[in-house]
mmCIF file of all heavy atoms, coordinates in Angstrom:
data_MODEL
# 
_entry.id   MODEL 
# 
loop_
_atom_site.group_PDB 
_atom_site.id 
_atom_site.type_symbol 
_atom_site.label_atom_id 
_atom_site.label_alt_id 
_atom_site.label_comp_id 
_atom_site.label_asym_id 
_atom_site.label_entity_id 
_atom_site.label_seq_id 
_atom_site.pdbx_PDB_ins_code 
_atom_site.Cartn_x 
_atom_site.Cartn_y 
_atom_site.Cartn_z 
_atom_site.occupancy 
_atom_site.B_iso_or_equiv 
_atom_site.pdbx_formal_charge 
_atom_site.auth_seq_id 
_atom_site.auth_comp_id 
_atom_site.auth_asym_id 
_atom_site.auth_atom_id 
_atom_site.pdbx_PDB_model_num 
ATOM 1   N N   . TRP A 1 1  ? -19.250 -54.426 114.251 1.00 0.00 ? 1  TRP A N   1 
ATOM 2   C CA  . TRP A 1 1  ? -19.227 -55.804 113.770 1.00 0.00 ? 1  TRP A CA  1 
ATOM 3   C C   . TRP A 1 1  ? -18.508 -55.915 112.432 1.00 0.00 ? 1  TRP A C   1 
ATOM 4   O O   . TRP A 1 1  ? -17.819 -56.895 112.167 1.00 0.00 ? 1  TRP A O   1 
ATOM 5   C CB  . TRP A 1 1  ? -20.650 -56.351 113.649 1.00 0.00 ? 1  TRP A CB  1 
ATOM 6   C CG  . TRP A 1 1  ? -20.692 -57.760 113.128 1.00 0.00 ? 1  TRP A CG  1 
ATOM 7   C CD1 . TRP A 1 1  ? -20.958 -58.178 111.855 1.00 0.00 ? 1  TRP A CD1 1 
ATOM 8   C CD2 . TRP A 1 1  ? -20.418 -58.952 113.877 1.00 0.00 ? 1  TRP A CD2 1 
ATOM 9   N NE1 . TRP A 1 1  ? -20.886 -59.544 111.757 1.00 0.00 ? 1  TRP A NE1 1 
ATOM 10  C CE2 . TRP A 1 1  ? -20.553 -60.052 112.993 1.00 0.00 ? 1  TRP A CE2 1 
ATOM 11  C CE3 . TRP A 1 1  ? -20.081 -59.199 115.212 1.00 0.00 ? 1  TRP A CE3 1 
ATOM 12  C CZ2 . TRP A 1 1  ? -20.359 -61.370 113.404 1.00 0.00 ? 1  TRP A CZ2 1 
ATOM 13  C CZ3 . TRP A 1 1  ? -19.899 -60.519 115.615 1.00 0.00 ? 1  TRP A CZ3 1 
ATOM 14  C CH2 . TRP A 1 1  ? -20.034 -61.576 114.724 1.00 0.00 ? 1  TRP A CH2 1 
ATOM 15  N N   . ASP A 1 2  ? -18.652 -54.918 111.600 1.00 0.00 ? 2  ASP A N   1 
ATOM 16  C CA  . ASP A 1 2  ? -18.081 -54.945 110.254 1.00 0.00 ? 2  ASP A CA  1 
ATOM 17  C C   . ASP A 1 2  ? -16.555 -55.033 110.318 1.00 0.00 ? 2  ASP A C   1 
ATOM 18  O O   . ASP A 1 2  ? -15.902 -54.281 111.043 1.00 0.00 ? 2  ASP A O   1 
ATOM 19  C CB  . ASP A 1 2  ? -18.494 -53.673 109.505 1.00 0.00 ? 2  ASP A CB  1 
ATOM 20  C CG  . ASP A 1 2  ? -18.221 -53.761 108.006 1.00 0.00 ? 2  ASP A CG  1 
ATOM 21  O OD1 . ASP A 1 2  ? -17.207 -54.375 107.622 1.00 0.00 ? 2  ASP A OD1 1 
ATOM 22  O OD2 . ASP A 1 2  ? -19.016 -53.202 107.238 1.00 0.00 ? 2  ASP A OD2 1 
ATOM 23  N N   . ASP A 1 3  ? -15.970 -55.951 109.554 1.00 0.00 ? 3  ASP A N   1 
ATOM 24  C CA  . ASP A 1 3  ? -14.514 -56.113 109.532 1.00 0.00 ? 3  ASP A CA  1 
ATOM 25  C C   . ASP A 1 3  ? -13.797 -54.857 109.058 1.00 0.00 ? 3  ASP A C   1 
ATOM 26  O O   . ASP A 1 3  ? -12.610 -54.670 109.345 1.00 0.00 ? 3  ASP A O   1 
ATOM 27  C CB  . ASP A 1 3  ? -14.123 -57.285 108.625 1.00 0.00 ? 3  ASP A CB  1 
ATOM 28  C CG  . ASP A 1 3  ? -14.469 -58.627 109.265 1.00 0.00 ? 3  ASP A CG  1 
ATOM 29  O OD1 . ASP A 1 3  ? -14.774 -58.650 110.465 1.00 0.00 ? 3  ASP A OD1 1 
ATOM 30  O OD2 . ASP A 1 3  ? -14.439 -59.650 108.550 1.00 0.00 ? 3  ASP A OD2 1 
ATOM 31  N N   . LYS A 1 4  ? -14.490 -53.998 108.341 1.00 0.00 ? 4  LYS A N   1 
ATOM 32  C CA  . LYS A 1 4  ? -13.882 -52.751 107.891 1.00 0.00 ? 4  LYS A CA  1 
ATOM 33  C C   . LYS A 1 4  ? -13.691 -51.781 109.054 1.00 0.00 ? 4  LYS A C   1 
ATOM 34  O O   . LYS A 1 4  ? -12.899 -50.847 108.968 1.00 0.00 ? 4  LYS A O   1 
ATOM 35  C CB  . LYS A 1 4  ? -14.741 -52.103 106.805 1.00 0.00 ? 4  LYS A CB  1 
ATOM 36  C CG  . LYS A 1 4  ? -14.817 -52.919 105.513 1.00 0.00 ? 4  LYS A CG  1 
ATOM 37  C CD  . LYS A 1 4  ? -15.724 -52.254 104.508 1.00 0.00 ? 4  LYS A CD  1 
ATOM 38  C CE  . LYS A 1 4  ? -15.844 -53.085 103.236 1.00 0.00 ? 4  LYS A CE  1 
ATOM 39  N NZ  . LYS A 1 4  ? -16.785 -52.469 102.261 1.00 0.00 ? 4  LYS A NZ  1 
ATOM 40  N N   . VAL A 1 5  ? -14.443 -51.989 110.129 1.00 0.00 ? 5  VAL A N   1 
ATOM 41  C CA  . VAL A 1 5  ? -14.345 -51.135 111.316 1.00 0.00 ? 5  VAL A CA  1 
ATOM 42  C C   . VAL A 1 5  ? -13.411 -51.769 112.359 1.00 0.00 ? 5  VAL A C   1 
ATOM 43  O O   . VAL A 1 5  ? -12.523 -51.123 112.894 1.00 0.00 ? 5  VAL A O   1 
ATOM 44  C CB  . VAL A 1 5  ? -15.737 -50.883 111.924 1.00 0.00 ? 5  VAL A CB  1 
ATOM 45  C CG1 . VAL A 1 5  ? -15.630 -50.003 113.177 1.00 0.00 ? 5  VAL A CG1 1 
ATOM 46  C CG2 . VAL A 1 5  ? -16.657 -50.238 110.892 1.00 0.00 ? 5  VAL A CG2 1 
ATOM 47  N N   . VAL A 1 6  ? -13.638 -53.047 112.662 1.00 0.00 ? 6  VAL A N   1 
ATOM 48  C CA  . VAL A 1 6  ? -12.786 -53.818 113.572 1.00 0.00 ? 6  VAL A CA  1 
ATOM 49  C C   . VAL A 1 6  ? -12.275 -55.015 112.787 1.00 0.00 ? 6  VAL A C   1 
ATOM 50  O O   . VAL A 1 6  ? -13.038 -55.909 112.447 1.00 0.00 ? 6  VAL A O   1 
ATOM 51  C CB  . VAL A 1 6  ? -13.556 -54.276 114.830 1.00 0.00 ? 6  VAL A CB  1 
ATOM 52  C CG1 . VAL A 1 6  ? -12.634 -55.091 115.741 1.00 0.00 ? 6  VAL A CG1 1 
ATOM 53  C CG2 . VAL A 1 6  ? -14.127 -53.088 115.584 1.00 0.00 ? 6  VAL A CG2 1 
ATOM 54  N N   . ASP A 1 7  ? -10.982 -55.006 112.487 1.00 0.00 ? 7  ASP A N   1 
ATOM 55  C CA  . ASP A 1 7  ? -10.462 -55.974 111.510 1.00 0.00 ? 7  ASP A CA  1 
ATOM 56  C C   . ASP A 1 7  ? -9.787  -57.188 112.129 1.00 0.00 ? 7  ASP A C   1 
ATOM 57  O O   . ASP A 1 7  ? -9.183  -57.991 111.415 1.00 0.00 ? 7  ASP A O   1 
ATOM 58  C CB  . ASP A 1 7  ? -9.477  -55.284 110.553 1.00 0.00 ? 7  ASP A CB  1 
ATOM 59  C CG  . ASP A 1 7  ? -8.251  -54.734 111.277 1.00 0.00 ? 7  ASP A CG  1 
ATOM 60  O OD1 . ASP A 1 7  ? -8.177  -54.875 112.517 1.00 0.00 ? 7  ASP A OD1 1 
ATOM 61  O OD2 . ASP A 1 7  ? -7.377  -54.178 110.594 1.00 0.00 ? 7  ASP A OD2 1 
ATOM 62  N N   . ASN A 1 8  ? -9.859  -57.356 113.468 1.00 0.00 ? 8  ASN A N   1 
ATOM 63  C CA  . ASN A 1 8  ? -9.170  -58.506 114.056 1.00 0.00 ? 8  ASN A CA  1 
ATOM 64  C C   . ASN A 1 8  ? -10.113 -59.439 114.825 1.00 0.00 ? 8  ASN A C   1 
ATOM 65  O O   . ASN A 1 8  ? -9.782  -60.016 115.849 1.00 0.00 ? 8  ASN A O   1 
ATOM 66  C CB  . ASN A 1 8  ? -8.032  -58.042 114.976 1.00 0.00 ? 8  ASN A CB  1 
ATOM 67  C CG  . ASN A 1 8  ? -8.491  -57.113 116.082 1.00 0.00 ? 8  ASN A CG  1 
ATOM 68  O OD1 . ASN A 1 8  ? -9.632  -56.668 116.101 1.00 0.00 ? 8  ASN A OD1 1 
ATOM 69  N ND2 . ASN A 1 8  ? -7.596  -56.807 116.997 1.00 0.00 ? 8  ASN A ND2 1 
ATOM 70  N N   . TRP A 1 9  ? -11.317 -59.580 114.300 1.00 0.00 ? 9  TRP A N   1 
ATOM 71  C CA  . TRP A 1 9  ? -12.298 -60.515 114.849 1.00 0.00 ? 9  TRP A CA  1 
ATOM 72  C C   . TRP A 1 9  ? -11.914 -61.956 114.548 1.00 0.00 ? 9  TRP A C   1 
ATOM 73  O O   . TRP A 1 9  ? -11.394 -62.279 113.482 1.00 0.00 ? 9  TRP A O   1 
ATOM 74  C CB  . TRP A 1 9  ? -13.664 -60.278 114.218 1.00 0.00 ? 9  TRP A CB  1 
ATOM 75  C CG  . TRP A 1 9  ? -14.563 -59.302 114.899 1.00 0.00 ? 9  TRP A CG  1 
ATOM 76  C CD1 . TRP A 1 9  ? -14.842 -58.025 114.492 1.00 0.00 ? 9  TRP A CD1 1 
ATOM 77  C CD2 . TRP A 1 9  ? -15.349 -59.517 116.065 1.00 0.00 ? 9  TRP A CD2 1 
ATOM 78  N NE1 . TRP A 1 9  ? -15.736 -57.441 115.342 1.00 0.00 ? 9  TRP A NE1 1 
ATOM 79  C CE2 . TRP A 1 9  ? -16.072 -58.343 116.320 1.00 0.00 ? 9  TRP A CE2 1 
ATOM 80  C CE3 . TRP A 1 9  ? -15.511 -60.604 116.922 1.00 0.00 ? 9  TRP A CE3 1 
ATOM 81  C CZ2 . TRP A 1 9  ? -16.942 -58.214 117.390 1.00 0.00 ? 9  TRP A CZ2 1 
ATOM 82  C CZ3 . TRP A 1 9  ? -16.376 -60.483 118.001 1.00 0.00 ? 9  TRP A CZ3 1 
ATOM 83  C CH2 . TRP A 1 9  ? -17.074 -59.296 118.220 1.00 0.00 ? 9  TRP A CH2 1 
ATOM 84  N N   . PHE A 1 10 ? -12.233 -62.854 115.486 1.00 0.00 ? 10 PHE A N   1 
ATOM 85  C CA  . PHE A 1 10 ? -12.427 -64.264 115.176 1.00 0.00 ? 10 PHE A CA  1 
ATOM 86  C C   . PHE A 1 10 ? -13.936 -64.488 115.205 1.00 0.00 ? 10 PHE A C   1 
ATOM 87  O O   . PHE A 1 10 ? -14.570 -64.281 116.245 1.00 0.00 ? 10 PHE A O   1 
ATOM 88  C CB  . PHE A 1 10 ? -11.766 -65.173 116.224 1.00 0.00 ? 10 PHE A CB  1 
ATOM 89  C CG  . PHE A 1 10 ? -10.303 -65.373 116.028 1.00 0.00 ? 10 PHE A CG  1 
ATOM 90  C CD1 . PHE A 1 10 ? -9.383  -64.841 116.923 1.00 0.00 ? 10 PHE A CD1 1 
ATOM 91  C CD2 . PHE A 1 10 ? -9.829  -66.119 114.953 1.00 0.00 ? 10 PHE A CD2 1 
ATOM 92  C CE1 . PHE A 1 10 ? -8.022  -65.034 116.758 1.00 0.00 ? 10 PHE A CE1 1 
ATOM 93  C CE2 . PHE A 1 10 ? -8.462  -66.324 114.776 1.00 0.00 ? 10 PHE A CE2 1 
ATOM 94  C CZ  . PHE A 1 10 ? -7.563  -65.777 115.676 1.00 0.00 ? 10 PHE A CZ  1 
ATOM 95  N N   . LYS A 1 11 ? -14.520 -64.870 114.085 1.00 0.00 ? 11 LYS A N   1 
ATOM 96  C CA  . LYS A 1 11 ? -15.960 -65.070 114.004 1.00 0.00 ? 11 LYS A CA  1 
ATOM 97  C C   . LYS A 1 11 ? -16.274 -66.520 113.671 1.00 0.00 ? 11 LYS A C   1 
ATOM 98  O O   . LYS A 1 11 ? -15.484 -67.218 113.038 1.00 0.00 ? 11 LYS A O   1 
ATOM 99  C CB  . LYS A 1 11 ? -16.569 -64.135 112.945 1.00 0.00 ? 11 LYS A CB  1 
ATOM 100 C CG  . LYS A 1 11 ? -16.425 -62.663 113.301 1.00 0.00 ? 11 LYS A CG  1 
ATOM 101 C CD  . LYS A 1 11 ? -16.958 -61.746 112.210 1.00 0.00 ? 11 LYS A CD  1 
ATOM 102 C CE  . LYS A 1 11 ? -16.785 -60.282 112.608 1.00 0.00 ? 11 LYS A CE  1 
ATOM 103 N NZ  . LYS A 1 11 ? -17.213 -59.357 111.541 1.00 0.00 ? 11 LYS A NZ  1 
ATOM 104 N N   . THR A 1 12 ? -17.429 -66.962 114.115 1.00 0.00 ? 12 THR A N   1 
ATOM 105 C CA  . THR A 1 12 ? -17.852 -68.323 113.853 1.00 0.00 ? 12 THR A CA  1 
ATOM 106 C C   . THR A 1 12 ? -19.342 -68.334 113.537 1.00 0.00 ? 12 THR A C   1 
ATOM 107 O O   . THR A 1 12 ? -19.998 -67.284 113.559 1.00 0.00 ? 12 THR A O   1 
ATOM 108 C CB  . THR A 1 12 ? -17.543 -69.230 115.065 1.00 0.00 ? 12 THR A CB  1 
ATOM 109 O OG1 . THR A 1 12 ? -17.807 -70.591 114.717 1.00 0.00 ? 12 THR A OG1 1 
ATOM 110 C CG2 . THR A 1 12 ? -18.382 -68.853 116.285 1.00 0.00 ? 12 THR A CG2 1 
ATOM 111 N N   . GLU A 1 13 ? -19.871 -69.500 113.231 1.00 0.00 ? 13 GLU A N   1 
ATOM 112 C CA  . GLU A 1 13 ? -21.258 -69.607 112.791 1.00 0.00 ? 13 GLU A CA  1 
ATOM 113 C C   . GLU A 1 13 ? -21.924 -70.786 113.482 1.00 0.00 ? 13 GLU A C   1 
ATOM 114 O O   . GLU A 1 13 ? -21.349 -71.868 113.602 1.00 0.00 ? 13 GLU A O   1 
ATOM 115 C CB  . GLU A 1 13 ? -21.307 -69.801 111.271 1.00 0.00 ? 13 GLU A CB  1 
ATOM 116 C CG  . GLU A 1 13 ? -22.677 -69.618 110.661 1.00 0.00 ? 13 GLU A CG  1 
ATOM 117 C CD  . GLU A 1 13 ? -22.650 -69.660 109.138 1.00 0.00 ? 13 GLU A CD  1 
ATOM 118 O OE1 . GLU A 1 13 ? -22.350 -68.617 108.534 1.00 0.00 ? 13 GLU A OE1 1 
ATOM 119 O OE2 . GLU A 1 13 ? -22.903 -70.738 108.579 1.00 0.00 ? 13 GLU A OE2 1 
ATOM 120 N N   . LEU A 1 14 ? -23.146 -70.556 113.973 1.00 0.00 ? 14 LEU A N   1 
ATOM 121 C CA  . LEU A 1 14 ? -23.926 -71.624 114.578 1.00 0.00 ? 14 LEU A CA  1 
ATOM 122 C C   . LEU A 1 14 ? -24.484 -72.551 113.501 1.00 0.00 ? 14 LEU A C   1 
ATOM 123 O O   . LEU A 1 14 ? -24.500 -72.220 112.310 1.00 0.00 ? 14 LEU A O   1 
ATOM 124 C CB  . LEU A 1 14 ? -25.066 -71.038 115.408 1.00 0.00 ? 14 LEU A CB  1 
ATOM 125 C CG  . LEU A 1 14 ? -24.669 -70.175 116.621 1.00 0.00 ? 14 LEU A CG  1 
ATOM 126 C CD1 . LEU A 1 14 ? -25.916 -69.573 117.256 1.00 0.00 ? 14 LEU A CD1 1 
ATOM 127 C CD2 . LEU A 1 14 ? -23.893 -70.988 117.642 1.00 0.00 ? 14 LEU A CD2 1 
ATOM 128 N N   . LYS A 1 15 ? -24.972 -73.696 113.937 1.00 0.00 ? 15 LYS A N   1 
ATOM 129 C CA  . LYS A 1 15 ? -25.562 -74.651 112.992 1.00 0.00 ? 15 LYS A CA  1 
ATOM 130 C C   . LYS A 1 15 ? -26.741 -74.049 112.228 1.00 0.00 ? 15 LYS A C   1 
ATOM 131 O O   . LYS A 1 15 ? -27.026 -74.422 111.087 1.00 0.00 ? 15 LYS A O   1 
ATOM 132 C CB  . LYS A 1 15 ? -26.041 -75.895 113.740 1.00 0.00 ? 15 LYS A CB  1 
ATOM 133 C CG  . LYS A 1 15 ? -24.932 -76.713 114.386 1.00 0.00 ? 15 LYS A CG  1 
ATOM 134 C CD  . LYS A 1 15 ? -24.061 -77.384 113.345 1.00 0.00 ? 15 LYS A CD  1 
ATOM 135 C CE  . LYS A 1 15 ? -23.056 -78.318 114.003 1.00 0.00 ? 15 LYS A CE  1 
ATOM 136 N NZ  . LYS A 1 15 ? -22.158 -78.972 113.031 1.00 0.00 ? 15 LYS A NZ  1 
ATOM 137 N N   . ASN A 1 16 ? -27.444 -73.085 112.873 1.00 0.00 ? 16 ASN A N   1 
ATOM 138 C CA  . ASN A 1 16 ? -28.592 -72.456 112.215 1.00 0.00 ? 16 ASN A CA  1 
ATOM 139 C C   . ASN A 1 16 ? -28.197 -71.301 111.307 1.00 0.00 ? 16 ASN A C   1 
ATOM 140 O O   . ASN A 1 16 ? -29.056 -70.619 110.741 1.00 0.00 ? 16 ASN A O   1 
ATOM 141 C CB  . ASN A 1 16 ? -29.612 -71.984 113.244 1.00 0.00 ? 16 ASN A CB  1 
ATOM 142 C CG  . ASN A 1 16 ? -29.056 -70.910 114.188 1.00 0.00 ? 16 ASN A CG  1 
ATOM 143 O OD1 . ASN A 1 16 ? -27.981 -70.371 113.952 1.00 0.00 ? 16 ASN A OD1 1 
ATOM 144 N ND2 . ASN A 1 16 ? -29.802 -70.616 115.252 1.00 0.00 ? 16 ASN A ND2 1 
ATOM 145 N N   . GLY A 1 17 ? -26.884 -71.055 111.186 1.00 0.00 ? 17 GLY A N   1 
ATOM 146 C CA  . GLY A 1 17 ? -26.414 -70.006 110.290 1.00 0.00 ? 17 GLY A CA  1 
ATOM 147 C C   . GLY A 1 17 ? -26.161 -68.668 110.939 1.00 0.00 ? 17 GLY A C   1 
ATOM 148 O O   . GLY A 1 17 ? -25.593 -67.770 110.300 1.00 0.00 ? 17 GLY A O   1 
ATOM 149 N N   . ASN A 1 18 ? -26.568 -68.488 112.205 1.00 0.00 ? 18 ASN A N   1 
ATOM 150 C CA  . ASN A 1 18 ? -26.337 -67.214 112.889 1.00 0.00 ? 18 ASN A CA  1 
ATOM 151 C C   . ASN A 1 18 ? -24.850 -67.027 113.199 1.00 0.00 ? 18 ASN A C   1 
ATOM 152 O O   . ASN A 1 18 ? -24.170 -67.968 113.618 1.00 0.00 ? 18 ASN A O   1 
ATOM 153 C CB  . ASN A 1 18 ? -27.135 -67.140 114.191 1.00 0.00 ? 18 ASN A CB  1 
ATOM 154 C CG  . ASN A 1 18 ? -28.622 -67.034 113.942 1.00 0.00 ? 18 ASN A CG  1 
ATOM 155 O OD1 . ASN A 1 18 ? -29.051 -66.655 112.847 1.00 0.00 ? 18 ASN A OD1 1 
ATOM 156 N ND2 . ASN A 1 18 ? -29.426 -67.387 114.938 1.00 0.00 ? 18 ASN A ND2 1 
ATOM 157 N N   . GLU A 1 19 ? -24.355 -65.799 113.019 1.00 0.00 ? 19 GLU A N   1 
ATOM 158 C CA  . GLU A 1 19 ? -22.954 -65.511 113.281 1.00 0.00 ? 19 GLU A CA  1 
ATOM 159 C C   . GLU A 1 19 ? -22.729 -65.115 114.731 1.00 0.00 ? 19 GLU A C   1 
ATOM 160 O O   . GLU A 1 19 ? -23.567 -64.467 115.361 1.00 0.00 ? 19 GLU A O   1 
ATOM 161 C CB  . GLU A 1 19 ? -22.471 -64.369 112.379 1.00 0.00 ? 19 GLU A CB  1 
ATOM 162 C CG  . GLU A 1 19 ? -22.271 -64.745 110.933 1.00 0.00 ? 19 GLU A CG  1 
ATOM 163 C CD  . GLU A 1 19 ? -21.639 -63.600 110.155 1.00 0.00 ? 19 GLU A CD  1 
ATOM 164 O OE1 . GLU A 1 19 ? -22.367 -62.653 109.828 1.00 0.00 ? 19 GLU A OE1 1 
ATOM 165 O OE2 . GLU A 1 19 ? -20.419 -63.662 109.899 1.00 0.00 ? 19 GLU A OE2 1 
ATOM 166 N N   . LEU A 1 20 ? -21.570 -65.512 115.253 1.00 0.00 ? 20 LEU A N   1 
ATOM 167 C CA  . LEU A 1 20 ? -21.129 -65.123 116.585 1.00 0.00 ? 20 LEU A CA  1 
ATOM 168 C C   . LEU A 1 20 ? -19.672 -64.674 116.505 1.00 0.00 ? 20 LEU A C   1 
ATOM 169 O O   . LEU A 1 20 ? -18.959 -65.020 115.566 1.00 0.00 ? 20 LEU A O   1 
ATOM 170 C CB  . LEU A 1 20 ? -21.231 -66.298 117.570 1.00 0.00 ? 20 LEU A CB  1 
ATOM 171 C CG  . LEU A 1 20 ? -22.608 -66.852 117.895 1.00 0.00 ? 20 LEU A CG  1 
ATOM 172 C CD1 . LEU A 1 20 ? -22.477 -68.089 118.772 1.00 0.00 ? 20 LEU A CD1 1 
ATOM 173 C CD2 . LEU A 1 20 ? -23.465 -65.808 118.590 1.00 0.00 ? 20 LEU A CD2 1 
ATOM 174 N N   . GLY A 1 21 ? -19.268 -63.901 117.499 1.00 0.00 ? 21 GLY A N   1 
ATOM 175 C CA  . GLY A 1 21 ? -17.867 -63.498 117.589 1.00 0.00 ? 21 GLY A CA  1 
ATOM 176 C C   . GLY A 1 21 ? -17.240 -64.032 118.862 1.00 0.00 ? 21 GLY A C   1 
ATOM 177 O O   . GLY A 1 21 ? -17.921 -64.173 119.887 1.00 0.00 ? 21 GLY A O   1 
ATOM 178 N N   . LEU A 1 22 ? -15.956 -64.371 118.809 1.00 0.00 ? 22 LEU A N   1 
ATOM 179 C CA  . LEU A 1 22 ? -15.201 -64.722 120.008 1.00 0.00 ? 22 LEU A CA  1 
ATOM 180 C C   . LEU A 1 22 ? -14.683 -63.429 120.630 1.00 0.00 ? 22 LEU A C   1 
ATOM 181 O O   . LEU A 1 22 ? -14.035 -62.631 119.949 1.00 0.00 ? 22 LEU A O   1 
ATOM 182 C CB  . LEU A 1 22 ? -14.033 -65.644 119.666 1.00 0.00 ? 22 LEU A CB  1 
ATOM 183 C CG  . LEU A 1 22 ? -14.366 -67.080 119.283 1.00 0.00 ? 22 LEU A CG  1 
ATOM 184 C CD1 . LEU A 1 22 ? -13.097 -67.840 118.919 1.00 0.00 ? 22 LEU A CD1 1 
ATOM 185 C CD2 . LEU A 1 22 ? -15.071 -67.789 120.431 1.00 0.00 ? 22 LEU A CD2 1 
ATOM 186 N N   . GLY A 1 23 ? -14.957 -63.247 121.911 1.00 0.00 ? 23 GLY A N   1 
ATOM 187 C CA  . GLY A 1 23 ? -14.746 -61.963 122.561 1.00 0.00 ? 23 GLY A CA  1 
ATOM 188 C C   . GLY A 1 23 ? -13.356 -61.379 122.389 1.00 0.00 ? 23 GLY A C   1 
ATOM 189 O O   . GLY A 1 23 ? -12.365 -61.984 122.782 1.00 0.00 ? 23 GLY A O   1 
ATOM 190 N N   . LEU A 1 24 ? -13.296 -60.201 121.793 1.00 0.00 ? 24 LEU A N   1 
ATOM 191 C CA  . LEU A 1 24 ? -12.047 -59.445 121.747 1.00 0.00 ? 24 LEU A CA  1 
ATOM 192 C C   . LEU A 1 24 ? -12.101 -58.256 122.685 1.00 0.00 ? 24 LEU A C   1 
ATOM 193 O O   . LEU A 1 24 ? -11.093 -57.650 123.008 1.00 0.00 ? 24 LEU A O   1 
ATOM 194 C CB  . LEU A 1 24 ? -11.706 -59.006 120.325 1.00 0.00 ? 24 LEU A CB  1 
ATOM 195 C CG  . LEU A 1 24 ? -12.710 -58.204 119.500 1.00 0.00 ? 24 LEU A CG  1 
ATOM 196 C CD1 . LEU A 1 24 ? -12.719 -56.744 119.872 1.00 0.00 ? 24 LEU A CD1 1 
ATOM 197 C CD2 . LEU A 1 24 ? -12.384 -58.349 118.023 1.00 0.00 ? 24 LEU A CD2 1 
ATOM 198 N N   . SER A 1 25 ? -13.292 -57.919 123.149 1.00 0.00 ? 25 SER A N   1 
ATOM 199 C CA  . SER A 1 25 ? -13.523 -56.870 124.131 1.00 0.00 ? 25 SER A CA  1 
ATOM 200 C C   . SER A 1 25 ? -14.950 -57.046 124.625 1.00 0.00 ? 25 SER A C   1 
ATOM 201 O O   . SER A 1 25 ? -15.728 -57.788 124.019 1.00 0.00 ? 25 SER A O   1 
ATOM 202 C CB  . SER A 1 25 ? -13.308 -55.484 123.504 1.00 0.00 ? 25 SER A CB  1 
ATOM 203 O OG  . SER A 1 25 ? -13.297 -54.492 124.492 1.00 0.00 ? 25 SER A OG  1 
ATOM 204 N N   . HIS A 1 26 ? -15.310 -56.385 125.729 1.00 0.00 ? 26 HIS A N   1 
ATOM 205 C CA  . HIS A 1 26 ? -16.627 -56.672 126.312 1.00 0.00 ? 26 HIS A CA  1 
ATOM 206 C C   . HIS A 1 26 ? -17.473 -55.431 126.601 1.00 0.00 ? 26 HIS A C   1 
ATOM 207 O O   . HIS A 1 26 ? -18.375 -55.475 127.435 1.00 0.00 ? 26 HIS A O   1 
ATOM 208 C CB  . HIS A 1 26 ? -16.459 -57.500 127.592 1.00 0.00 ? 26 HIS A CB  1 
ATOM 209 C CG  . HIS A 1 26 ? -16.331 -58.967 127.325 1.00 0.00 ? 26 HIS A CG  1 
ATOM 210 N ND1 . HIS A 1 26 ? -15.156 -59.535 126.889 1.00 0.00 ? 26 HIS A ND1 1 
ATOM 211 C CD2 . HIS A 1 26 ? -17.227 -59.979 127.392 1.00 0.00 ? 26 HIS A CD2 1 
ATOM 212 C CE1 . HIS A 1 26 ? -15.328 -60.840 126.722 1.00 0.00 ? 26 HIS A CE1 1 
ATOM 213 N NE2 . HIS A 1 26 ? -16.574 -61.132 127.011 1.00 0.00 ? 26 HIS A NE2 1 
ATOM 214 N N   . GLU A 1 27 ? -17.198 -54.326 125.915 1.00 0.00 ? 27 GLU A N   1 
ATOM 215 C CA  . GLU A 1 27 ? -18.025 -53.139 126.131 1.00 0.00 ? 27 GLU A CA  1 
ATOM 216 C C   . GLU A 1 27 ? -19.501 -53.418 125.823 1.00 0.00 ? 27 GLU A C   1 
ATOM 217 O O   . GLU A 1 27 ? -20.393 -53.065 126.604 1.00 0.00 ? 27 GLU A O   1 
ATOM 218 C CB  . GLU A 1 27 ? -17.534 -51.980 125.261 1.00 0.00 ? 27 GLU A CB  1 
ATOM 219 C CG  . GLU A 1 27 ? -16.264 -51.311 125.754 1.00 0.00 ? 27 GLU A CG  1 
ATOM 220 C CD  . GLU A 1 27 ? -15.021 -51.989 125.207 1.00 0.00 ? 27 GLU A CD  1 
ATOM 221 O OE1 . GLU A 1 27 ? -15.150 -53.065 124.587 1.00 0.00 ? 27 GLU A OE1 1 
ATOM 222 O OE2 . GLU A 1 27 ? -13.928 -51.440 125.402 1.00 0.00 ? 27 GLU A OE2 1 
# 
């Protein structure tokens, strides 16, 4: 999850503040 490990995430945030990622892979 850390951008230092995978640096090409598109991430977003729910109204309640929880973070989500837009799928870049599905393992």
